[in-house]
Amino acid sequence: MSGKHSVWALVGRYSGLAFLLPASTFAGYALGWALDHLFQTNFLYLVFLLFGIAGGFLELVRTLRRDLEDERR
């Protein structure tokens, strides 16, 4: 893969991954918090926080798997 892409393209791709997990975690928490206030509950923030974490990890694994498959070719 390093022969196909420049160093700066790889830095851009992986720095985006560095922000992916915290951003998806925050987005899940914020959405759950807003729904908690809308529906007068106190558990949705935790459910959506876990969904955000799971979504971030899924995208991280997908991207890394795709990069490993590209490297093998």
PDB file of N, CA and C in Angstrom:
ATOM      1  N   MET A   1       0.823  -1.188   0.000  1.00  0.00           N
ATOM      2  CA  MET A   1       0.000   0.000   0.000  1.00  0.00           C
ATOM      3  C   MET A   1       0.867   1.250   0.000  1.00  0.00           C
ATOM      4  N   SER A   2       2.002   1.224   0.657  1.00  0.00           N
ATOM      5  CA  SER A   2       2.825   2.420   0.719  1.00  0.00           C
ATOM      6  C   SER A   2       3.363   2.801  -0.649  1.00  0.00           C
ATOM      7  N   GLY A   3       3.492   1.821  -1.566  1.00  0.00           N
ATOM      8  CA  GLY A   3       3.924   2.125  -2.911  1.00  0.00           C
ATOM      9  C   GLY A   3       2.834   2.787  -3.727  1.00  0.00           C
ATOM     10  N   LYS A   4       1.577   2.577  -3.381  1.00  0.00           N
ATOM     11  CA  LYS A   4       0.452   3.120  -4.145  1.00  0.00           C
ATOM     12  C   LYS A   4       0.050   4.516  -3.680  1.00  0.00           C
ATOM     13  N   HIS A   5       0.234   4.800  -2.412  1.00  0.00           N
ATOM     14  CA  HIS A   5      -0.229   6.062  -1.845  1.00  0.00           C
ATOM     15  C   HIS A   5       0.954   6.842  -1.281  1.00  0.00           C
ATOM     16  N   SER A   6       0.818   8.152  -1.293  1.00  0.00           N
ATOM     17  CA  SER A   6       1.857   8.978  -0.704  1.00  0.00           C
ATOM     18  C   SER A   6       1.749   8.942   0.813  1.00  0.00           C
ATOM     19  N   VAL A   7       2.796   9.374   1.442  1.00  0.00           N
ATOM     20  CA  VAL A   7       2.831   9.384   2.906  1.00  0.00           C
ATOM     21  C   VAL A   7       1.752  10.305   3.462  1.00  0.00           C
ATOM     22  N   TRP A   8       1.544  11.434   2.805  1.00  0.00           N
ATOM     23  CA  TRP A   8       0.560  12.393   3.309  1.00  0.00           C
ATOM     24  C   TRP A   8      -0.861  11.888   3.146  1.00  0.00           C
ATOM     25  N   ALA A   9      -1.110  11.092   2.129  1.00  0.00           N
ATOM     26  CA  ALA A   9      -2.439  10.495   1.977  1.00  0.00           C
ATOM     27  C   ALA A   9      -2.696   9.500   3.109  1.00  0.00           C
ATOM     28  N   LEU A  10      -1.682   8.748   3.464  1.00  0.00           N
ATOM     29  CA  LEU A  10      -1.827   7.804   4.580  1.00  0.00           C
ATOM     30  C   LEU A  10      -1.996   8.527   5.911  1.00  0.00           C
ATOM     31  N   VAL A  11      -1.263   9.614   6.094  1.00  0.00           N
ATOM     32  CA  VAL A  11      -1.410  10.411   7.326  1.00  0.00           C
ATOM     33  C   VAL A  11      -2.831  10.960   7.422  1.00  0.00           C
ATOM     34  N   GLY A  12      -3.356  11.438   6.316  1.00  0.00           N
ATOM     35  CA  GLY A  12      -4.725  11.953   6.319  1.00  0.00           C
ATOM     36  C   GLY A  12      -5.739  10.878   6.632  1.00  0.00           C
ATOM     37  N   ARG A  13      -5.559   9.696   6.052  1.00  0.00           N
ATOM     38  CA  ARG A  13      -6.505   8.601   6.286  1.00  0.00           C
ATOM     39  C   ARG A  13      -6.486   8.151   7.750  1.00  0.00           C
ATOM     40  N   TYR A  14      -5.303   7.966   8.290  1.00  0.00           N
ATOM     41  CA  TYR A  14      -5.220   7.440   9.652  1.00  0.00           C
ATOM     42  C   TYR A  14      -5.462   8.499  10.723  1.00  0.00           C
ATOM     43  N   SER A  15      -5.223   9.761  10.414  1.00  0.00           N
ATOM     44  CA  SER A  15      -5.597  10.799  11.386  1.00  0.00           C
ATOM     45  C   SER A  15      -7.111  10.933  11.444  1.00  0.00           C
ATOM     46  N   GLY A  16      -7.772  10.679  10.331  1.00  0.00           N
ATOM     47  CA  GLY A  16      -9.239  10.641  10.349  1.00  0.00           C
ATOM     48  C   GLY A  16      -9.753   9.513  11.217  1.00  0.00           C
ATOM     49  N   LEU A  17      -9.076   8.384  11.188  1.00  0.00           N
ATOM     50  CA  LEU A  17      -9.452   7.267  12.055  1.00  0.00           C
ATOM     51  C   LEU A  17      -9.232   7.596  13.525  1.00  0.00           C
ATOM     52  N   ALA A  18      -8.241   8.423  13.807  1.00  0.00           N
ATOM     53  CA  ALA A  18      -7.963   8.791  15.194  1.00  0.00           C
ATOM     54  C   ALA A  18      -9.110   9.595  15.796  1.00  0.00           C
ATOM     55  N   PHE A  19      -9.830  10.346  14.968  1.00  0.00           N
ATOM     56  CA  PHE A  19     -10.950  11.135  15.456  1.00  0.00           C
ATOM     57  C   PHE A  19     -12.280  10.408  15.347  1.00  0.00           C
ATOM     58  N   LEU A  20     -12.296   9.282  14.677  1.00  0.00           N
ATOM     59  CA  LEU A  20     -13.532   8.560  14.428  1.00  0.00           C
ATOM     60  C   LEU A  20     -14.184   8.044  15.707  1.00  0.00           C
ATOM     61  N   LEU A  21     -13.434   7.350  16.523  1.00  0.00           N
ATOM     62  CA  LEU A  21     -14.011   6.749  17.728  1.00  0.00           C
ATOM     63  C   LEU A  21     -14.487   7.799  18.733  1.00  0.00           C
ATOM     64  N   PRO A  22     -13.702   8.824  19.059  1.00  0.00           N
ATOM     65  CA  PRO A  22     -14.229   9.846  19.974  1.00  0.00           C
ATOM     66  C   PRO A  22     -15.436  10.598  19.411  1.00  0.00           C
ATOM     67  N   ALA A  23     -15.426  10.861  18.114  1.00  0.00           N
ATOM     68  CA  ALA A  23     -16.549  11.588  17.510  1.00  0.00           C
ATOM     69  C   ALA A  23     -17.825  10.760  17.528  1.00  0.00           C
ATOM     70  N   SER A  24     -17.724   9.477  17.208  1.00  0.00           N
ATOM     71  CA  SER A  24     -18.928   8.644  17.211  1.00  0.00           C
ATOM     72  C   SER A  24     -19.421   8.408  18.634  1.00  0.00           C
ATOM     73  N   THR A  25     -18.507   8.324  19.580  1.00  0.00           N
ATOM     74  CA  THR A  25     -18.908   8.191  20.972  1.00  0.00           C
ATOM     75  C   THR A  25     -19.651   9.437  21.447  1.00  0.00           C
ATOM     76  N   PHE A  26     -19.105  10.596  21.131  1.00  0.00           N
ATOM     77  CA  PHE A  26     -19.753  11.843  21.525  1.00  0.00           C
ATOM     78  C   PHE A  26     -21.109  12.011  20.848  1.00  0.00           C
ATOM     79  N   ALA A  27     -21.180  11.665  19.564  1.00  0.00           N
ATOM     80  CA  ALA A  27     -22.442  11.796  18.828  1.00  0.00           C
ATOM     81  C   ALA A  27     -23.511  10.885  19.427  1.00  0.00           C
ATOM     82  N   GLY A  28     -23.142   9.663  19.776  1.00  0.00           N
ATOM     83  CA  GLY A  28     -24.096   8.754  20.404  1.00  0.00           C
ATOM     84  C   GLY A  28     -24.575   9.270  21.745  1.00  0.00           C
ATOM     85  N   TYR A  29     -23.647   9.777  22.549  1.00  0.00           N
ATOM     86  CA  TYR A  29     -24.022  10.322  23.854  1.00  0.00           C
ATOM     87  C   TYR A  29     -24.927  11.546  23.697  1.00  0.00           C
ATOM     88  N   ALA A  30     -24.569  12.441  22.787  1.00  0.00           N
ATOM     89  CA  ALA A  30     -25.359  13.659  22.607  1.00  0.00           C
ATOM     90  C   ALA A  30     -26.771  13.340  22.114  1.00  0.00           C
ATOM     91  N   LEU A  31     -26.877  12.398  21.195  1.00  0.00           N
ATOM     92  CA  LEU A  31     -28.199  12.013  20.701  1.00  0.00           C
ATOM     93  C   LEU A  31     -29.026  11.377  21.814  1.00  0.00           C
ATOM     94  N   GLY A  32     -28.412  10.507  22.591  1.00  0.00           N
ATOM     95  CA  GLY A  32     -29.121   9.892  23.718  1.00  0.00           C
ATOM     96  C   GLY A  32     -29.524  10.904  24.767  1.00  0.00           C
ATOM     97  N   TRP A  33     -28.647  11.858  25.036  1.00  0.00           N
ATOM     98  CA  TRP A  33     -28.955  12.905  26.023  1.00  0.00           C
ATOM     99  C   TRP A  33     -30.148  13.736  25.549  1.00  0.00           C
ATOM    100  N   ALA A  34     -30.149  14.089  24.256  1.00  0.00           N
ATOM    101  CA  ALA A  34     -31.250  14.883  23.717  1.00  0.00           C
ATOM    102  C   ALA A  34     -32.564  14.097  23.766  1.00  0.00           C
ATOM    103  N   LEU A  35     -32.514  12.822  23.437  1.00  0.00           N
ATOM    104  CA  LEU A  35     -33.726  12.007  23.500  1.00  0.00           C
ATOM    105  C   LEU A  35     -34.199  11.805  24.937  1.00  0.00           C
ATOM    106  N   ASP A  36     -33.254  11.718  25.875  1.00  0.00           N
ATOM    107  CA  ASP A  36     -33.639  11.629  27.284  1.00  0.00           C
ATOM    108  C   ASP A  36     -34.415  12.861  27.722  1.00  0.00           C
ATOM    109  N   HIS A  37     -33.942  14.027  27.307  1.00  0.00           N
ATOM    110  CA  HIS A  37     -34.648  15.255  27.676  1.00  0.00           C
ATOM    111  C   HIS A  37     -35.980  15.392  26.937  1.00  0.00           C
ATOM    112  N   LEU A  38     -36.027  14.894  25.729  1.00  0.00           N
ATOM    113  CA  LEU A  38     -37.263  14.983  24.957  1.00  0.00           C
ATOM    114  C   LEU A  38     -38.346  14.073  25.530  1.00  0.00           C
ATOM    115  N   PHE A  39     -37.965  12.843  25.875  1.00  0.00           N
ATOM    116  CA  PHE A  39     -38.940  11.859  26.353  1.00  0.00           C
ATOM    117  C   PHE A  39     -38.992  11.727  27.875  1.00  0.00           C
ATOM    118  N   GLN A  40     -38.247  12.573  28.603  1.00  0.00           N
ATOM    119  CA  GLN A  40     -38.225  12.565  30.077  1.00  0.00           C
ATOM    120  C   GLN A  40     -37.819  11.193  30.628  1.00  0.00           C
ATOM    121  N   THR A  41     -36.753  10.614  30.052  1.00  0.00           N
ATOM    122  CA  THR A  41     -36.212   9.343  30.537  1.00  0.00           C
ATOM    123  C   THR A  41     -34.803   9.598  31.048  1.00  0.00           C
ATOM    124  N   ASN A  42     -34.156   8.556  31.550  1.00  0.00           N
ATOM    125  CA  ASN A  42     -32.784   8.730  32.026  1.00  0.00           C
ATOM    126  C   ASN A  42     -31.903   7.530  31.697  1.00  0.00           C
ATOM    127  N   PHE A  43     -32.216   6.804  30.630  1.00  0.00           N
ATOM    128  CA  PHE A  43     -31.396   5.655  30.261  1.00  0.00           C
ATOM    129  C   PHE A  43     -30.971   5.666  28.799  1.00  0.00           C
ATOM    130  N   LEU A  44     -31.593   6.492  27.980  1.00  0.00           N
ATOM    131  CA  LEU A  44     -31.292   6.475  26.554  1.00  0.00           C
ATOM    132  C   LEU A  44     -29.882   6.956  26.245  1.00  0.00           C
ATOM    133  N   TYR A  45     -29.325   7.832  27.081  1.00  0.00           N
ATOM    134  CA  TYR A  45     -27.967   8.291  26.835  1.00  0.00           C
ATOM    135  C   TYR A  45     -26.992   7.126  26.873  1.00  0.00           C
ATOM    136  N   LEU A  46     -27.212   6.185  27.754  1.00  0.00           N
ATOM    137  CA  LEU A  46     -26.332   5.029  27.868  1.00  0.00           C
ATOM    138  C   LEU A  46     -26.481   4.098  26.663  1.00  0.00           C
ATOM    139  N   VAL A  47     -27.709   3.884  26.217  1.00  0.00           N
ATOM    140  CA  VAL A  47     -27.954   3.028  25.053  1.00  0.00           C
ATOM    141  C   VAL A  47     -27.293   3.617  23.814  1.00  0.00           C
ATOM    142  N   PHE A  48     -27.484   4.906  23.576  1.00  0.00           N
ATOM    143  CA  PHE A  48     -26.915   5.525  22.388  1.00  0.00           C
ATOM    144  C   PHE A  48     -25.407   5.727  22.516  1.00  0.00           C
ATOM    145  N   LEU A  49     -24.913   5.859  23.727  1.00  0.00           N
ATOM    146  CA  LEU A  49     -23.469   5.893  23.934  1.00  0.00           C
ATOM    147  C   LEU A  49     -22.847   4.575  23.488  1.00  0.00           C
ATOM    148  N   LEU A  50     -23.458   3.467  23.868  1.00  0.00           N
ATOM    149  CA  LEU A  50     -22.955   2.154  23.460  1.00  0.00           C
ATOM    150  C   LEU A  50     -23.087   1.955  21.949  1.00  0.00           C
ATOM    151  N   PHE A  51     -24.178   2.446  21.354  1.00  0.00           N
ATOM    152  CA  PHE A  51     -24.328   2.379  19.899  1.00  0.00           C
ATOM    153  C   PHE A  51     -23.233   3.192  19.201  1.00  0.00           C
ATOM    154  N   GLY A  52     -22.916   4.349  19.744  1.00  0.00           N
ATOM    155  CA  GLY A  52     -21.858   5.177  19.159  1.00  0.00           C
ATOM    156  C   GLY A  52     -20.501   4.513  19.241  1.00  0.00           C
ATOM    157  N   ILE A  53     -20.196   3.911  20.386  1.00  0.00           N
ATOM    158  CA  ILE A  53     -18.930   3.205  20.539  1.00  0.00           C
ATOM    159  C   ILE A  53     -18.856   2.024  19.577  1.00  0.00           C
ATOM    160  N   ALA A  54     -19.939   1.253  19.497  1.00  0.00           N
ATOM    161  CA  ALA A  54     -19.964   0.096  18.598  1.00  0.00           C
ATOM    162  C   ALA A  54     -19.833   0.536  17.137  1.00  0.00           C
ATOM    163  N   GLY A  55     -20.504   1.597  16.763  1.00  0.00           N
ATOM    164  CA  GLY A  55     -20.405   2.095  15.395  1.00  0.00           C
ATOM    165  C   GLY A  55     -19.004   2.579  15.055  1.00  0.00           C
ATOM    166  N   GLY A  56     -18.358   3.238  16.005  1.00  0.00           N
ATOM    167  CA  GLY A  56     -16.980   3.688  15.787  1.00  0.00           C
ATOM    168  C   GLY A  56     -16.022   2.526  15.608  1.00  0.00           C
ATOM    169  N   PHE A  57     -16.156   1.506  16.451  1.00  0.00           N
ATOM    170  CA  PHE A  57     -15.293   0.336  16.319  1.00  0.00           C
ATOM    171  C   PHE A  57     -15.554  -0.419  15.018  1.00  0.00           C
ATOM    172  N   LEU A  58     -16.821  -0.509  14.629  1.00  0.00           N
ATOM    173  CA  LEU A  58     -17.140  -1.178  13.367  1.00  0.00           C
ATOM    174  C   LEU A  58     -16.473  -0.480  12.180  1.00  0.00           C
ATOM    175  N   GLU A  59     -16.570   0.821  12.146  1.00  0.00           N
ATOM    176  CA  GLU A  59     -15.958   1.561  11.046  1.00  0.00           C
ATOM    177  C   GLU A  59     -14.435   1.463  11.102  1.00  0.00           C
ATOM    178  N   LEU A  60     -13.866   1.451  12.283  1.00  0.00           N
ATOM    179  CA  LEU A  60     -12.423   1.286  12.431  1.00  0.00           C
ATOM    180  C   LEU A  60     -11.979  -0.068  11.891  1.00  0.00           C
ATOM    181  N   VAL A  61     -12.677  -1.119  12.247  1.00  0.00           N
ATOM    182  CA  VAL A  61     -12.336  -2.464  11.781  1.00  0.00           C
ATOM    183  C   VAL A  61     -12.532  -2.577  10.270  1.00  0.00           C
ATOM    184  N   ARG A  62     -13.602  -2.011   9.742  1.00  0.00           N
ATOM    185  CA  ARG A  62     -13.835  -2.049   8.294  1.00  0.00           C
ATOM    186  C   ARG A  62     -12.713  -1.369   7.525  1.00  0.00           C
ATOM    187  N   THR A  63     -12.304  -0.213   7.990  1.00  0.00           N
ATOM    188  CA  THR A  63     -11.252   0.534   7.306  1.00  0.00           C
ATOM    189  C   THR A  63      -9.929  -0.203   7.380  1.00  0.00           C
ATOM    190  N   LEU A  64      -9.589  -0.721   8.542  1.00  0.00           N
ATOM    191  CA  LEU A  64      -8.326  -1.448   8.673  1.00  0.00           C
ATOM    192  C   LEU A  64      -8.335  -2.736   7.861  1.00  0.00           C
ATOM    193  N   ARG A  65      -9.453  -3.418   7.823  1.00  0.00           N
ATOM    194  CA  ARG A  65      -9.558  -4.640   7.025  1.00  0.00           C
ATOM    195  C   ARG A  65      -9.414  -4.320   5.532  1.00  0.00           C
ATOM    196  N   ARG A  66     -10.038  -3.243   5.090  1.00  0.00           N
ATOM    197  CA  ARG A  66      -9.930  -2.836   3.689  1.00  0.00           C
ATOM    198  C   ARG A  66      -8.492  -2.491   3.346  1.00  0.00           C
ATOM    199  N   ASP A  67      -7.799  -1.796   4.253  1.00  0.00           N
ATOM    200  CA  ASP A  67      -6.403  -1.440   4.008  1.00  0.00           C
ATOM    201  C   ASP A  67      -5.509  -2.670   3.950  1.00  0.00           C
ATOM    202  N   LEU A  68      -5.771  -3.642   4.803  1.00  0.00           N
ATOM    203  CA  LEU A  68      -4.977  -4.880   4.784  1.00  0.00           C
ATOM    204  C   LEU A  68      -5.226  -5.667   3.497  1.00  0.00           C
ATOM    205  N   GLU A  69      -6.455  -5.706   3.017  1.00  0.00           N
ATOM    206  CA  GLU A  69      -6.747  -6.389   1.759  1.00  0.00           C
ATOM    207  C   GLU A  69      -6.089  -5.675   0.574  1.00  0.00           C
ATOM    208  N   ASP A  70      -6.073  -4.340   0.600  1.00  0.00           N
ATOM    209  CA  ASP A  70      -5.413  -3.591  -0.462  1.00  0.00           C
ATOM    210  C   ASP A  70      -3.909  -3.830  -0.449  1.00  0.00           C
ATOM    211  N   GLU A  71      -3.356  -4.000   0.731  1.00  0.00           N
ATOM    212  CA  GLU A  71      -1.913  -4.222   0.856  1.00  0.00           C
ATOM    213  C   GLU A  71      -1.515  -5.585   0.314  1.00  0.00           C
ATOM    214  N   ARG A  72      -2.374  -6.577   0.448  1.00  0.00           N
ATOM    215  CA  ARG A  72      -2.077  -7.920  -0.031  1.00  0.00           C
ATOM    216  C   ARG A  72      -2.082  -8.013  -1.547  1.00  0.00           C
ATOM    217  N   ARG A  73      -2.806  -7.138  -2.202  1.00  0.00           N
ATOM    218  CA  ARG A  73      -2.920  -7.178  -3.677  1.00  0.00           C
ATOM    219  C   ARG A  73      -1.714  -6.642  -4.353  1.00  0.00           C
TER     220      ARG A  73
END
